Protein backbone atom coordinates (compact mmCIF):
# COMPACT_ATOMS: atom_id res chain seq x y z
CA MET A 1 -15.01 -13.63 13.74
CA ASP A 2 -17.88 -12.04 11.21
CA PHE A 3 -19.84 -9.97 13.58
CA ALA A 4 -22.46 -9.45 10.99
CA LEU A 5 -23.14 -13.42 10.62
CA VAL A 6 -23.39 -13.55 13.86
CA LEU A 7 -25.36 -11.16 14.82
CA VAL A 8 -27.86 -11.88 12.07
CA VAL A 9 -27.46 -16.13 13.25
CA ALA A 10 -28.20 -14.82 17.01
CA THR A 11 -31.22 -12.57 15.51
CA LEU A 12 -33.02 -15.19 13.44
CA VAL A 13 -32.47 -17.73 16.18
CA THR A 14 -33.87 -15.52 19.13
CA GLY A 15 -36.93 -14.31 16.90
CA SER A 16 -37.24 -17.70 15.59
CA VAL A 17 -37.96 -18.94 19.39
CA TRP A 18 -39.60 -15.56 20.43
CA LEU A 19 -42.22 -15.73 17.26
CA LEU A 20 -42.89 -19.53 18.63
CA ASP A 21 -43.51 -18.50 21.72
CA LYS A 22 -46.35 -15.92 20.40
CA LEU A 23 -47.77 -18.44 18.29
CA ILE A 24 -47.84 -21.75 20.47
CA LEU A 25 -45.85 -22.19 23.35
CA ARG A 26 -47.38 -18.87 25.43
CA LYS A 27 -51.31 -20.28 24.16
CA LYS A 28 -50.03 -23.51 25.99
CA ARG A 29 -49.42 -22.35 29.12
CA GLN A 30 -52.71 -20.22 29.42
CA GLN A 31 -54.70 -23.23 29.03
CA LYS A 32 -52.26 -25.17 31.89
CA ILE A 33 -53.78 -24.54 34.87
CA GLY A 34 -50.65 -23.42 37.51
CA ALA A 35 -48.24 -22.77 34.25
CA ASP A 36 -45.11 -22.34 34.75
CA LYS A 37 -43.27 -19.83 33.72
CA PRO A 38 -41.31 -19.65 30.57
CA GLY A 39 -38.55 -21.69 29.86
CA LEU A 40 -35.01 -19.98 30.32
CA LEU A 41 -34.11 -20.02 26.05
CA VAL A 42 -37.66 -17.95 25.78
CA GLU A 43 -37.47 -15.85 28.63
CA TYR A 44 -33.52 -14.79 27.04
CA SER A 45 -35.30 -14.71 23.93
CA ASN A 46 -38.07 -12.40 23.68
CA SER A 47 -35.76 -10.08 26.10
CA PHE A 48 -32.71 -10.17 23.57
CA PHE A 49 -34.47 -10.55 20.21
CA PRO A 50 -36.08 -6.40 19.79
CA VAL A 51 -32.00 -5.21 20.86
CA LEU A 52 -30.62 -7.39 18.33
CA ALA A 53 -33.37 -6.90 16.03
CA LEU A 54 -32.80 -2.52 16.27
CA VAL A 55 -28.87 -3.54 16.05
CA LEU A 56 -28.82 -5.24 13.52
CA VAL A 57 -31.71 -2.77 11.41
CA LEU A 58 -29.56 0.04 12.33
CA ARG A 59 -26.05 -1.57 11.63
CA SER A 60 -27.09 -3.10 8.11
CA PHE A 61 -28.55 -0.07 6.83
CA VAL A 62 -28.10 3.63 8.86
CA PHE A 63 -24.70 3.92 10.43
CA GLU A 64 -21.97 1.21 11.52
CA PRO A 65 -19.44 1.45 14.01
CA PHE A 66 -15.55 1.57 12.87
CA GLN A 67 -12.40 2.28 14.76
CA ILE A 68 -9.23 3.43 12.95
CA PRO A 69 -6.94 0.79 13.15
CA SER A 70 -3.65 2.50 11.28
CA GLY A 71 -2.11 6.31 10.34
CA SER A 72 -2.87 5.47 6.39
CA MET A 73 -5.71 8.36 6.96
CA LEU A 74 -3.82 10.93 9.10
CA PRO A 75 -4.35 13.37 9.54
CA THR A 76 -7.70 13.24 8.65
CA LEU A 77 -8.46 10.22 10.78
CA LYS A 78 -6.13 9.48 14.27
CA ILE A 79 -5.01 5.87 15.21
CA GLY A 80 -7.93 5.04 17.70
CA ASP A 81 -10.78 7.41 16.15
CA PHE A 82 -13.75 6.00 16.81
CA ILE A 83 -15.93 6.81 13.11
CA LEU A 84 -20.00 6.12 12.35
CA VAL A 85 -19.75 4.95 8.56
CA ASN A 86 -23.24 5.91 7.00
CA LYS A 87 -24.58 2.37 5.46
CA PHE A 88 -27.36 3.65 2.75
CA THR A 89 -25.03 7.07 0.96
CA TYR A 90 -24.34 3.78 -2.00
CA GLY A 91 -27.69 2.28 -1.81
CA ILE A 92 -28.86 -0.14 0.96
CA ARG A 93 -26.68 -3.70 1.23
CA LEU A 94 -27.74 -7.02 2.29
CA PRO A 95 -25.84 -7.95 5.56
CA VAL A 96 -23.03 -10.73 5.32
CA THR A 97 -23.85 -10.95 1.90
CA ASN A 98 -23.08 -7.18 0.78
CA THR A 99 -25.14 -7.38 -1.91
CA GLU A 100 -27.55 -4.00 -3.22
CA VAL A 101 -31.16 -4.84 -2.95
CA ILE A 102 -31.64 -0.35 -3.64
CA ASP A 103 -29.71 1.60 -5.35
CA LEU A 104 -29.26 4.62 -3.77
CA GLY A 105 -25.75 6.50 -5.32
CA GLU A 106 -22.51 6.20 -5.78
CA PRO A 107 -19.13 7.33 -4.20
CA GLU A 108 -18.03 10.52 -5.79
CA VAL A 109 -13.76 12.01 -5.62
CA GLY A 110 -13.00 13.64 -2.07
CA ASP A 111 -15.38 10.79 -0.52
CA VAL A 112 -13.73 9.18 3.14
CA LEU A 113 -14.96 5.44 1.49
CA VAL A 114 -15.16 2.18 3.42
CA PHE A 115 -14.59 -0.69 1.83
CA ARG A 116 -14.00 -4.78 2.14
CA TYR A 117 -10.07 -4.90 0.93
CA PRO A 118 -10.96 -6.60 -2.51
CA LEU A 119 -7.95 -8.95 -1.31
CA ASP A 120 -9.01 -10.24 1.97
CA GLU A 121 -12.57 -9.63 2.40
CA ARG A 122 -12.49 -10.02 6.07
CA LEU A 123 -10.97 -6.61 6.78
CA ASN A 124 -12.83 -3.25 6.12
CA TYR A 125 -10.06 -0.58 4.67
CA ILE A 126 -10.65 3.50 4.70
CA LYS A 127 -9.64 5.48 2.06
CA ARG A 128 -10.18 8.49 0.36
CA VAL A 129 -11.56 8.22 -3.42
CA VAL A 130 -9.73 9.88 -6.13
CA GLY A 131 -11.24 8.37 -8.54
CA THR A 132 -14.82 7.35 -9.88
CA PRO A 133 -15.82 4.54 -13.06
CA GLY A 134 -14.61 6.73 -16.12
CA ASP A 135 -12.55 9.58 -14.65
CA THR A 136 -8.92 9.43 -15.54
CA VAL A 137 -6.20 9.88 -13.22
CA ALA A 138 -2.54 10.35 -12.93
CA TYR A 139 0.29 11.27 -9.62
CA ARG A 140 2.83 13.25 -10.54
CA ASN A 141 5.16 14.95 -8.19
CA LYS A 142 3.08 14.41 -4.94
CA THR A 143 0.15 16.34 -7.21
CA LEU A 144 -3.10 14.05 -7.92
CA VAL A 145 -4.17 15.21 -11.50
CA VAL A 146 -8.38 14.37 -12.16
CA ASN A 147 -9.57 14.15 -15.52
CA GLY A 148 -6.44 16.70 -16.39
CA THR A 149 -6.70 19.19 -13.85
CA PRO A 150 -4.48 19.18 -10.84
CA ILE A 151 -6.20 19.29 -7.45
CA THR A 152 -5.39 22.30 -5.62
CA ARG A 153 -3.37 22.26 -2.86
CA GLU A 154 -1.18 24.54 -0.67
CA LEU A 155 1.57 24.23 2.01
CA VAL A 156 0.52 24.72 5.43
CA GLU A 157 3.32 23.78 6.82
CA LYS A 158 6.65 21.75 6.21
CA ASN A 159 7.83 19.63 9.44
CA PRO A 160 4.39 20.04 11.78
CA ALA A 161 5.39 18.69 15.29
CA ASP A 162 2.71 15.73 14.81
CA ALA A 163 4.69 14.55 11.92
CA PRO A 164 8.38 16.47 11.88
CA SER A 165 9.17 14.51 8.52
CA GLU A 166 6.28 14.92 6.84
CA TRP A 167 4.82 18.10 4.63
CA LEU A 168 1.47 19.08 5.21
CA TRP A 169 -0.54 20.43 2.52
CA GLN A 170 -4.64 22.06 2.19
CA GLU A 171 -6.10 19.98 -0.71
CA GLN A 172 -9.07 20.57 -2.78
CA LEU A 173 -10.84 17.01 -4.24
CA GLY A 174 -14.17 17.69 -5.18
CA GLU A 175 -16.09 19.03 -2.94
CA ALA A 176 -13.87 17.82 -0.12
CA GLN A 177 -11.38 20.16 1.46
CA HIS A 178 -8.49 18.24 3.56
CA GLN A 179 -5.38 18.20 4.60
CA VAL A 180 -2.64 15.63 3.62
CA TYR A 181 1.02 14.29 4.46
CA ASN A 182 3.99 13.79 2.22
CA TYR A 183 6.72 12.47 2.98
CA PRO A 184 9.53 14.81 0.20
CA ALA A 185 12.21 12.16 0.14
CA ARG A 186 9.98 9.32 -1.29
CA ARG A 187 7.57 9.28 -5.45
CA PHE A 188 4.90 6.79 -5.63
CA ASP A 189 3.87 8.30 -9.55
CA PHE A 190 1.64 6.49 -11.70
CA PRO A 191 0.62 7.91 -15.14
CA GLN A 192 -2.52 9.08 -16.60
CA ILE A 193 -5.31 6.07 -16.15
CA GLN A 194 -8.16 5.05 -16.84
CA VAL A 195 -10.76 4.18 -13.81
CA PRO A 196 -12.65 1.02 -15.30
CA GLU A 197 -16.45 0.93 -14.80
CA GLY A 198 -17.46 -0.53 -11.86
CA TYR A 199 -14.43 0.26 -9.96
CA TYR A 200 -12.93 2.96 -7.84
CA LEU A 201 -9.20 4.73 -7.24
CA VAL A 202 -8.55 5.00 -3.85
CA MET A 203 -5.52 6.44 -1.74
CA GLY A 204 -4.50 7.75 1.77
CA ASP A 205 -4.35 10.88 3.01
CA ASN A 206 -0.64 10.06 4.34
CA ARG A 207 -0.16 9.84 1.10
CA ASP A 208 3.86 7.93 1.56
CA HIS A 209 2.29 5.49 4.38
CA SER A 210 -0.30 4.31 3.05
CA ASN A 211 -1.58 0.51 1.68
CA ASP A 212 -3.86 1.88 -1.25
CA SER A 213 -4.80 1.37 -4.82
CA ARG A 214 -0.87 2.25 -5.69
CA PHE A 215 0.43 -1.03 -2.97
CA TRP A 216 -2.12 -3.44 -2.25
CA CYS A 217 -1.60 -5.76 -5.94
CA GLN A 218 2.06 -5.48 -5.51
CA GLY A 219 2.81 -6.42 -9.80
CA GLN A 220 0.05 -9.14 -9.13
CA VAL A 221 -2.99 -9.39 -11.95
CA SER A 222 -6.32 -10.43 -10.59
CA GLU A 223 -9.65 -8.97 -11.95
CA ASP A 224 -11.91 -10.95 -9.46
CA ARG A 225 -9.64 -8.87 -7.04
CA GLY A 226 -9.45 -5.60 -8.70
CA CYS A 227 -5.82 -5.54 -9.49
CA LEU A 228 -5.39 -4.32 -13.07
CA ALA A 229 -2.60 -4.11 -15.44
CA ILE A 230 -1.90 -0.55 -16.86
CA PRO A 231 -1.58 -1.82 -20.53
CA GLY A 232 1.96 0.13 -22.11
CA TYR A 233 3.25 1.21 -18.49
CA GLN A 234 5.61 -0.47 -16.19
CA ASN A 235 6.51 0.48 -12.94
CA GLN A 236 9.75 1.02 -10.95
CA LEU A 237 11.15 -1.92 -11.39
CA GLY A 238 10.39 -2.19 -14.71
CA GLU A 239 7.39 -4.80 -14.14
CA PRO A 240 3.75 -4.38 -15.60
CA LEU A 241 2.26 -1.46 -13.52
CA VAL A 242 -0.71 -2.84 -12.09
CA LEU A 243 -3.06 -0.90 -9.76
CA GLY A 244 -5.46 -2.02 -7.40
CA PHE A 245 -9.24 -0.89 -8.02
CA VAL A 246 -12.06 -0.99 -5.57
CA PRO A 247 -15.39 -3.16 -7.06
CA GLU A 248 -18.58 -1.66 -6.60
CA ALA A 249 -19.43 -5.15 -4.52
CA ASN A 250 -17.03 -3.93 -2.10
CA LEU A 251 -18.29 -0.82 -1.33
CA VAL A 252 -19.37 -1.11 3.03
CA GLY A 253 -20.25 2.74 3.05
CA GLU A 254 -19.25 6.58 3.40
CA ALA A 255 -17.14 8.03 6.87
CA VAL A 256 -18.73 10.86 7.95
CA ALA A 257 -18.18 11.42 11.85
CA VAL A 258 -15.85 10.85 14.61
CA TRP A 259 -17.51 10.31 17.68
CA MET A 260 -15.00 9.51 19.97
CA HIS A 261 -11.18 8.79 20.90
CA TRP A 262 -9.82 6.15 22.59
CA PRO A 263 -6.26 5.10 21.13
CA GLU A 264 -5.16 2.83 24.17
CA LEU A 265 -7.19 0.67 26.19
CA PHE A 266 -6.74 1.64 29.44
CA SER A 267 -6.55 5.43 28.56
CA LEU A 268 -9.65 7.62 28.70
CA PRO A 269 -12.16 7.85 25.77
CA ASP A 270 -11.95 11.39 24.28
CA LEU A 271 -15.57 12.53 23.40
CA THR A 272 -14.62 16.07 21.92
CA ALA A 273 -12.78 14.88 19.25
CA VAL A 274 -16.64 14.67 17.84
CA ARG A 275 -16.18 16.13 14.57
CA SER A 276 -17.35 15.75 10.95
CA ILE A 277 -15.21 14.31 8.35
CA ASP A 278 -14.25 15.79 4.89
């Protein structure tokens, strides 16, 4: 279900009834002696329209809540984290169509980005930006190289208690200082590529367990969906190397804070999990 579409339709319907009552129906009732109360539809519309309109404005143009459904951003974001996404960091966009009407900024390397999944725009994905338009990016032996400079990283712990098979690293990516997991036995490198104009390259902080720019195209070229072949390179199967990029039109916003952790329906919400997202 497209909640944004439902919210827009509900706001338009109740708003239309509310406006009709303000301009016409209320006057007609006042002209009648012993006028009845407004009908049920009018009464409900008068009650719900202001609330729906406020929710629509806040959710569409200010902040939108999301829940983290997978472990692709561990250890930064856990399954069951409820996050707030800043909807105006990257410009003001219309609800439902996601069309940008006011340009306020662009994603930067290190941002935690929420976007419409290019292969199925009904889904929202969350990953970290590792390359912006024009950047050169490579991933070699678990290390990102952005514009020719290896990203600074330090080993924090081998086989941490929360992820015994992983190595925990502290990484500096752009302005963001954050931690990532690497699984030593797996390698998913890619050569130096240049991010095309109008696109962004993204990866999960759970580097070897994330369906991100390295994997979601699965070798299929589709420019409309941001699946672009890298000339002169092949993947580990000897096929053309195809990476997935996030089109600018698919941007939703920047994840800025965790406001609650609630992993299971019948568990208690953890409000002590409140924190900013690096």
